[in-house]
Amino acid sequence: MKPVQVMFDDDLLRRLSESDEVRDRGRSEVVRRAVDVYLTHRERERIAHQYRTAYSTTDTLEDELDGWAGEGTWPDE
């Protein structure tokens, strides 16, 4: 691990320091976990955005598949 200097305002540092989890695990561990949660959340948002973008443009897909609806047949049972 590498040390990183992070600046907190007095109120945020006080609130962080008062946390039971910080007292049990330490500030560094809690901040590392918070950053991990943040980055995981951002990655999921990025992927969700890509899915929304890809599937929101159905006109292109409809144009691409136009004319194929009558080509397939269902097997007789």
PDB file of N, CA and C in Angstrom:
ATOM      1  N   MET A   1       0.832  -1.183   0.000  1.00  0.00           N
ATOM      2  CA  MET A   1       0.000   0.000   0.000  1.00  0.00           C
ATOM      3  C   MET A   1       0.872   1.241   0.000  1.00  0.00           C
ATOM      4  N   LYS A   2       0.293   2.309  -0.533  1.00  0.00           N
ATOM      5  CA  LYS A   2       1.016   3.573  -0.573  1.00  0.00           C
ATOM      6  C   LYS A   2       0.264   4.605   0.258  1.00  0.00           C
ATOM      7  N   PRO A   3       0.985   5.439   0.981  1.00  0.00           N
ATOM      8  CA  PRO A   3       0.315   6.485   1.756  1.00  0.00           C
ATOM      9  C   PRO A   3      -0.218   7.576   0.832  1.00  0.00           C
ATOM     10  N   VAL A   4      -1.396   8.104   1.186  1.00  0.00           N
ATOM     11  CA  VAL A   4      -2.024   9.175   0.427  1.00  0.00           C
ATOM     12  C   VAL A   4      -2.516  10.214   1.416  1.00  0.00           C
ATOM     13  N   GLN A   5      -2.236  11.463   1.133  1.00  0.00           N
ATOM     14  CA  GLN A   5      -2.716  12.531   2.011  1.00  0.00           C
ATOM     15  C   GLN A   5      -4.067  13.010   1.503  1.00  0.00           C
ATOM     16  N   VAL A   6      -5.051  13.023   2.378  1.00  0.00           N
ATOM     17  CA  VAL A   6      -6.401  13.460   2.031  1.00  0.00           C
ATOM     18  C   VAL A   6      -6.808  14.541   3.015  1.00  0.00           C
ATOM     19  N   MET A   7      -7.401  15.605   2.496  1.00  0.00           N
ATOM     20  CA  MET A   7      -7.822  16.711   3.346  1.00  0.00           C
ATOM     21  C   MET A   7      -9.314  16.577   3.655  1.00  0.00           C
ATOM     22  N   PHE A   8      -9.678  16.709   4.930  1.00  0.00           N
ATOM     23  CA  PHE A   8     -11.067  16.693   5.378  1.00  0.00           C
ATOM     24  C   PHE A   8     -11.346  17.987   6.122  1.00  0.00           C
ATOM     25  N   ASP A   9     -12.556  18.526   5.977  1.00  0.00           N
ATOM     26  CA  ASP A   9     -12.894  19.671   6.816  1.00  0.00           C
ATOM     27  C   ASP A   9     -13.136  19.153   8.234  1.00  0.00           C
ATOM     28  N   ASP A  10     -13.117  20.066   9.199  1.00  0.00           N
ATOM     29  CA  ASP A  10     -13.193  19.673  10.606  1.00  0.00           C
ATOM     30  C   ASP A  10     -14.447  18.868  10.934  1.00  0.00           C
ATOM     31  N   ASP A  11     -15.593  19.284  10.410  1.00  0.00           N
ATOM     32  CA  ASP A  11     -16.844  18.599  10.725  1.00  0.00           C
ATOM     33  C   ASP A  11     -16.846  17.177  10.168  1.00  0.00           C
ATOM     34  N   LEU A  12     -16.413  17.013   8.929  1.00  0.00           N
ATOM     35  CA  LEU A  12     -16.387  15.676   8.333  1.00  0.00           C
ATOM     36  C   LEU A  12     -15.415  14.760   9.077  1.00  0.00           C
ATOM     37  N   LEU A  13     -14.261  15.280   9.437  1.00  0.00           N
ATOM     38  CA  LEU A  13     -13.286  14.483  10.184  1.00  0.00           C
ATOM     39  C   LEU A  13     -13.837  14.090  11.552  1.00  0.00           C
ATOM     40  N   ARG A  14     -14.523  15.001  12.209  1.00  0.00           N
ATOM     41  CA  ARG A  14     -15.124  14.706  13.513  1.00  0.00           C
ATOM     42  C   ARG A  14     -16.167  13.600  13.373  1.00  0.00           C
ATOM     43  N   ARG A  15     -17.054  13.739  12.368  1.00  0.00           N
ATOM     44  CA  ARG A  15     -18.097  12.726  12.154  1.00  0.00           C
ATOM     45  C   ARG A  15     -17.487  11.371  11.822  1.00  0.00           C
ATOM     46  N   LEU A  16     -16.442  11.366  11.018  1.00  0.00           N
ATOM     47  CA  LEU A  16     -15.762  10.120  10.682  1.00  0.00           C
ATOM     48  C   LEU A  16     -15.141   9.500  11.929  1.00  0.00           C
ATOM     49  N   SER A  17     -14.470  10.302  12.701  1.00  0.00           N
ATOM     50  CA  SER A  17     -13.783   9.802  13.896  1.00  0.00           C
ATOM     51  C   SER A  17     -14.752   9.278  14.947  1.00  0.00           C
ATOM     52  N   GLU A  18     -15.974   9.787  14.978  1.00  0.00           N
ATOM     53  CA  GLU A  18     -16.961   9.336  15.955  1.00  0.00           C
ATOM     54  C   GLU A  18     -17.608   8.012  15.578  1.00  0.00           C
ATOM     55  N   SER A  19     -17.382   7.551  14.385  1.00  0.00           N
ATOM     56  CA  SER A  19     -17.994   6.315  13.920  1.00  0.00           C
ATOM     57  C   SER A  19     -17.434   5.103  14.673  1.00  0.00           C
ATOM     58  N   ASP A  20     -18.316   4.195  15.069  1.00  0.00           N
ATOM     59  CA  ASP A  20     -17.879   2.971  15.742  1.00  0.00           C
ATOM     60  C   ASP A  20     -16.947   2.147  14.852  1.00  0.00           C
ATOM     61  N   GLU A  21     -17.253   2.097  13.581  1.00  0.00           N
ATOM     62  CA  GLU A  21     -16.421   1.319  12.658  1.00  0.00           C
ATOM     63  C   GLU A  21     -15.011   1.895  12.572  1.00  0.00           C
ATOM     64  N   VAL A  22     -14.898   3.214  12.603  1.00  0.00           N
ATOM     65  CA  VAL A  22     -13.569   3.844  12.577  1.00  0.00           C
ATOM     66  C   VAL A  22     -12.815   3.498  13.848  1.00  0.00           C
ATOM     67  N   ARG A  23     -13.505   3.518  14.970  1.00  0.00           N
ATOM     68  CA  ARG A  23     -12.836   3.161  16.230  1.00  0.00           C
ATOM     69  C   ARG A  23     -12.369   1.708  16.204  1.00  0.00           C
ATOM     70  N   ASP A  24     -13.147   0.829  15.567  1.00  0.00           N
ATOM     71  CA  ASP A  24     -12.785  -0.589  15.503  1.00  0.00           C
ATOM     72  C   ASP A  24     -11.713  -0.879  14.457  1.00  0.00           C
ATOM     73  N   ARG A  25     -11.837  -0.265  13.308  1.00  0.00           N
ATOM     74  CA  ARG A  25     -10.969  -0.621  12.173  1.00  0.00           C
ATOM     75  C   ARG A  25      -9.942   0.432  11.801  1.00  0.00           C
ATOM     76  N   GLY A  26     -10.186   1.670  12.174  1.00  0.00           N
ATOM     77  CA  GLY A  26      -9.281   2.758  11.819  1.00  0.00           C
ATOM     78  C   GLY A  26      -9.781   3.532  10.613  1.00  0.00           C
ATOM     79  N   ARG A  27      -9.368   4.799  10.556  1.00  0.00           N
ATOM     80  CA  ARG A  27      -9.800   5.666   9.460  1.00  0.00           C
ATOM     81  C   ARG A  27      -9.379   5.139   8.102  1.00  0.00           C
ATOM     82  N   SER A  28      -8.132   4.693   7.994  1.00  0.00           N
ATOM     83  CA  SER A  28      -7.624   4.265   6.685  1.00  0.00           C
ATOM     84  C   SER A  28      -8.464   3.142   6.097  1.00  0.00           C
ATOM     85  N   GLU A  29      -8.794   2.156   6.920  1.00  0.00           N
ATOM     86  CA  GLU A  29      -9.598   1.022   6.441  1.00  0.00           C
ATOM     87  C   GLU A  29     -10.980   1.484   5.994  1.00  0.00           C
ATOM     88  N   VAL A  30     -11.611   2.346   6.780  1.00  0.00           N
ATOM     89  CA  VAL A  30     -12.951   2.826   6.441  1.00  0.00           C
ATOM     90  C   VAL A  30     -12.911   3.656   5.161  1.00  0.00           C
ATOM     91  N   VAL A  31     -11.923   4.513   5.024  1.00  0.00           N
ATOM     92  CA  VAL A  31     -11.804   5.332   3.816  1.00  0.00           C
ATOM     93  C   VAL A  31     -11.512   4.451   2.607  1.00  0.00           C
ATOM     94  N   ARG A  32     -10.645   3.456   2.741  1.00  0.00           N
ATOM     95  CA  ARG A  32     -10.372   2.528   1.625  1.00  0.00           C
ATOM     96  C   ARG A  32     -11.650   1.836   1.182  1.00  0.00           C
ATOM     97  N   ARG A  33     -12.429   1.353   2.152  1.00  0.00           N
ATOM     98  CA  ARG A  33     -13.687   0.666   1.821  1.00  0.00           C
ATOM     99  C   ARG A  33     -14.665   1.620   1.153  1.00  0.00           C
ATOM    100  N   ALA A  34     -14.735   2.859   1.628  1.00  0.00           N
ATOM    101  CA  ALA A  34     -15.641   3.851   1.030  1.00  0.00           C
ATOM    102  C   ALA A  34     -15.243   4.148  -0.414  1.00  0.00           C
ATOM    103  N   VAL A  35     -13.959   4.273  -0.669  1.00  0.00           N
ATOM    104  CA  VAL A  35     -13.485   4.522  -2.030  1.00  0.00           C
ATOM    105  C   VAL A  35     -13.789   3.320  -2.919  1.00  0.00           C
ATOM    106  N   ASP A  36     -13.608   2.123  -2.405  1.00  0.00           N
ATOM    107  CA  ASP A  36     -13.915   0.913  -3.175  1.00  0.00           C
ATOM    108  C   ASP A  36     -15.406   0.864  -3.536  1.00  0.00           C
ATOM    109  N   VAL A  37     -16.255   1.162  -2.566  1.00  0.00           N
ATOM    110  CA  VAL A  37     -17.701   1.183  -2.824  1.00  0.00           C
ATOM    111  C   VAL A  37     -18.025   2.236  -3.883  1.00  0.00           C
ATOM    112  N   TYR A  38     -17.431   3.405  -3.771  1.00  0.00           N
ATOM    113  CA  TYR A  38     -17.651   4.486  -4.732  1.00  0.00           C
ATOM    114  C   TYR A  38     -17.239   4.053  -6.143  1.00  0.00           C
ATOM    115  N   LEU A  39     -16.042   3.490  -6.272  1.00  0.00           N
ATOM    116  CA  LEU A  39     -15.553   3.086  -7.590  1.00  0.00           C
ATOM    117  C   LEU A  39     -16.383   1.950  -8.184  1.00  0.00           C
ATOM    118  N   THR A  40     -16.811   1.015  -7.357  1.00  0.00           N
ATOM    119  CA  THR A  40     -17.671  -0.073  -7.819  1.00  0.00           C
ATOM    120  C   THR A  40     -18.995   0.488  -8.319  1.00  0.00           C
ATOM    121  N   HIS A  41     -19.561   1.417  -7.559  1.00  0.00           N
ATOM    122  CA  HIS A  41     -20.815   2.055  -7.949  1.00  0.00           C
ATOM    123  C   HIS A  41     -20.662   2.784  -9.287  1.00  0.00           C
ATOM    124  N   ARG A  42     -19.584   3.538  -9.442  1.00  0.00           N
ATOM    125  CA  ARG A  42     -19.338   4.270 -10.688  1.00  0.00           C
ATOM    126  C   ARG A  42     -19.193   3.320 -11.874  1.00  0.00           C
ATOM    127  N   GLU A  43     -18.515   2.203 -11.679  1.00  0.00           N
ATOM    128  CA  GLU A  43     -18.341   1.229 -12.757  1.00  0.00           C
ATOM    129  C   GLU A  43     -19.696   0.634 -13.156  1.00  0.00           C
ATOM    130  N   ARG A  44     -20.522   0.315 -12.172  1.00  0.00           N
ATOM    131  CA  ARG A  44     -21.855  -0.223 -12.477  1.00  0.00           C
ATOM    132  C   ARG A  44     -22.705   0.813 -13.203  1.00  0.00           C
ATOM    133  N   GLU A  45     -22.594   2.070 -12.801  1.00  0.00           N
ATOM    134  CA  GLU A  45     -23.322   3.133 -13.498  1.00  0.00           C
ATOM    135  C   GLU A  45     -22.857   3.256 -14.945  1.00  0.00           C
ATOM    136  N   ARG A  46     -21.550   3.151 -15.158  1.00  0.00           N
ATOM    137  CA  ARG A  46     -21.001   3.252 -16.515  1.00  0.00           C
ATOM    138  C   ARG A  46     -21.521   2.118 -17.393  1.00  0.00           C
ATOM    139  N   ILE A  47     -21.528   0.898 -16.851  1.00  0.00           N
ATOM    140  CA  ILE A  47     -22.017  -0.256 -17.597  1.00  0.00           C
ATOM    141  C   ILE A  47     -23.512  -0.120 -17.877  1.00  0.00           C
ATOM    142  N   ALA A  48     -24.282   0.313 -16.878  1.00  0.00           N
ATOM    143  CA  ALA A  48     -25.722   0.505 -17.063  1.00  0.00           C
ATOM    144  C   ALA A  48     -25.982   1.555 -18.142  1.00  0.00           C
ATOM    145  N   HIS A  49     -25.199   2.603 -18.149  1.00  0.00           N
ATOM    146  CA  HIS A  49     -25.341   3.637 -19.175  1.00  0.00           C
ATOM    147  C   HIS A  49     -25.060   3.062 -20.559  1.00  0.00           C
ATOM    148  N   GLN A  50     -24.050   2.227 -20.667  1.00  0.00           N
ATOM    149  CA  GLN A  50     -23.742   1.600 -21.951  1.00  0.00           C
ATOM    150  C   GLN A  50     -24.907   0.717 -22.418  1.00  0.00           C
ATOM    151  N   TYR A  51     -25.486  -0.057 -21.506  1.00  0.00           N
ATOM    152  CA  TYR A  51     -26.647  -0.879 -21.859  1.00  0.00           C
ATOM    153  C   TYR A  51     -27.813  -0.001 -22.306  1.00  0.00           C
ATOM    154  N   ARG A  52     -28.112   1.058 -21.540  1.00  0.00           N
ATOM    155  CA  ARG A  52     -29.220   1.938 -21.911  1.00  0.00           C
ATOM    156  C   ARG A  52     -28.989   2.549 -23.288  1.00  0.00           C
ATOM    157  N   THR A  53     -27.773   2.972 -23.546  1.00  0.00           N
ATOM    158  CA  THR A  53     -27.451   3.572 -24.838  1.00  0.00           C
ATOM    159  C   THR A  53     -27.604   2.550 -25.960  1.00  0.00           C
ATOM    160  N   ALA A  54     -27.100   1.352 -25.738  1.00  0.00           N
ATOM    161  CA  ALA A  54     -27.140   0.320 -26.778  1.00  0.00           C
ATOM    162  C   ALA A  54     -28.560  -0.127 -27.087  1.00  0.00           C
ATOM    163  N   TYR A  55     -29.391  -0.262 -26.059  1.00  0.00           N
ATOM    164  CA  TYR A  55     -30.731  -0.790 -26.272  1.00  0.00           C
ATOM    165  C   TYR A  55     -31.793   0.283 -26.461  1.00  0.00           C
ATOM    166  N   SER A  56     -31.445   1.542 -26.338  1.00  0.00           N
ATOM    167  CA  SER A  56     -32.438   2.593 -26.526  1.00  0.00           C
ATOM    168  C   SER A  56     -32.588   2.980 -27.990  1.00  0.00           C
ATOM    169  N   THR A  57     -31.681   2.573 -28.831  1.00  0.00           N
ATOM    170  CA  THR A  57     -31.743   2.909 -30.249  1.00  0.00           C
ATOM    171  C   THR A  57     -32.296   1.723 -31.025  1.00  0.00           C
ATOM    172  N   THR A  58     -33.566   1.400 -30.784  1.00  0.00           N
ATOM    173  CA  THR A  58     -34.185   0.234 -31.423  1.00  0.00           C
ATOM    174  C   THR A  58     -34.443   0.466 -32.898  1.00  0.00           C
ATOM    175  N   ASP A  59     -34.502   1.725 -33.352  1.00  0.00           N
ATOM    176  CA  ASP A  59     -34.730   1.976 -34.772  1.00  0.00           C
ATOM    177  C   ASP A  59     -33.674   1.297 -35.625  1.00  0.00           C
ATOM    178  N   THR A  60     -32.434   1.349 -35.213  1.00  0.00           N
ATOM    179  CA  THR A  60     -31.357   0.730 -35.964  1.00  0.00           C
ATOM    180  C   THR A  60     -31.554  -0.777 -36.030  1.00  0.00           C
ATOM    181  N   LEU A  61     -31.905  -1.393 -34.914  1.00  0.00           N
ATOM    182  CA  LEU A  61     -32.116  -2.836 -34.881  1.00  0.00           C
ATOM    183  C   LEU A  61     -33.330  -3.224 -35.723  1.00  0.00           C
ATOM    184  N   GLU A  62     -34.403  -2.441 -35.634  1.00  0.00           N
ATOM    185  CA  GLU A  62     -35.586  -2.723 -36.437  1.00  0.00           C
ATOM    186  C   GLU A  62     -35.268  -2.627 -37.921  1.00  0.00           C
ATOM    187  N   ASP A  63     -34.517  -1.614 -38.299  1.00  0.00           N
ATOM    188  CA  ASP A  63     -34.127  -1.465 -39.702  1.00  0.00           C
ATOM    189  C   ASP A  63     -33.270  -2.644 -40.145  1.00  0.00           C
ATOM    190  N   GLU A  64     -32.387  -3.081 -39.267  1.00  0.00           N
ATOM    191  CA  GLU A  64     -31.490  -4.185 -39.594  1.00  0.00           C
ATOM    192  C   GLU A  64     -32.252  -5.494 -39.777  1.00  0.00           C
ATOM    193  N   LEU A  65     -33.302  -5.702 -38.988  1.00  0.00           N
ATOM    194  CA  LEU A  65     -34.059  -6.955 -39.047  1.00  0.00           C
ATOM    195  C   LEU A  65     -35.276  -6.875 -39.965  1.00  0.00           C
ATOM    196  N   ASP A  66     -35.508  -5.725 -40.566  1.00  0.00           N
ATOM    197  CA  ASP A  66     -36.673  -5.544 -41.425  1.00  0.00           C
ATOM    198  C   ASP A  66     -36.679  -6.578 -42.551  1.00  0.00           C
ATOM    199  N   GLY A  67     -37.812  -7.230 -42.729  1.00  0.00           N
ATOM    200  CA  GLY A  67     -37.951  -8.207 -43.796  1.00  0.00           C
ATOM    201  C   GLY A  67     -37.679  -9.634 -43.381  1.00  0.00           C
ATOM    202  N   TRP A  68     -37.120  -9.842 -42.204  1.00  0.00           N
ATOM    203  CA  TRP A  68     -36.781 -11.194 -41.763  1.00  0.00           C
ATOM    204  C   TRP A  68     -37.912 -11.883 -41.008  1.00  0.00           C
ATOM    205  N   ALA A  69     -38.951 -11.141 -40.630  1.00  0.00           N
ATOM    206  CA  ALA A  69     -40.023 -11.708 -39.818  1.00  0.00           C
ATOM    207  C   ALA A  69     -40.697 -12.892 -40.499  1.00  0.00           C
ATOM    208  N   GLY A  70     -40.875 -12.841 -41.811  1.00  0.00           N
ATOM    209  CA  GLY A  70     -41.545 -13.919 -42.521  1.00  0.00           C
ATOM    210  C   GLY A  70     -40.634 -15.048 -42.939  1.00  0.00           C
ATOM    211  N   GLU A  71     -39.367 -14.956 -42.673  1.00  0.00           N
ATOM    212  CA  GLU A  71     -38.400 -15.969 -43.120  1.00  0.00           C
ATOM    213  C   GLU A  71     -38.368 -17.202 -42.232  1.00  0.00           C
ATOM    214  N   GLY A  72     -38.619 -17.039 -40.958  1.00  0.00           N
ATOM    215  CA  GLY A  72     -38.550 -18.167 -40.039  1.00  0.00           C
ATOM    216  C   GLY A  72     -39.895 -18.897 -39.965  1.00  0.00           C
ATOM    217  N   THR A  73     -39.826 -20.159 -39.653  1.00  0.00           N
ATOM    218  CA  THR A  73     -41.046 -20.932 -39.476  1.00  0.00           C
ATOM    219  C   THR A  73     -40.938 -21.722 -38.193  1.00  0.00           C
ATOM    220  N   TRP A  74     -42.094 -21.944 -37.555  1.00  0.00           N
ATOM    221  CA  TRP A  74     -42.135 -22.765 -36.347  1.00  0.00           C
ATOM    222  C   TRP A  74     -42.336 -24.222 -36.768  1.00  0.00           C
ATOM    223  N   PRO A  75     -41.660 -25.154 -36.108  1.00  0.00           N
ATOM    224  CA  PRO A  75     -41.851 -26.563 -36.465  1.00  0.00           C
ATOM    225  C   PRO A  75     -43.249 -27.033 -36.098  1.00  0.00           C
ATOM    226  N   ASP A  76     -43.775 -27.971 -36.886  1.00  0.00           N
ATOM    227  CA  ASP A  76     -45.066 -28.564 -36.581  1.00  0.00           C
ATOM    228  C   ASP A  76     -44.927 -29.476 -35.384  1.00  0.00           C
ATOM    229  N   GLU A  77     -45.942 -29.485 -34.537  1.00  0.00           N
ATOM    230  CA  GLU A  77     -45.869 -30.344 -33.353  1.00  0.00           C
ATOM    231  C   GLU A  77     -46.505 -31.677 -33.636  1.00  0.00           C
TER     232      GLU A  77
END
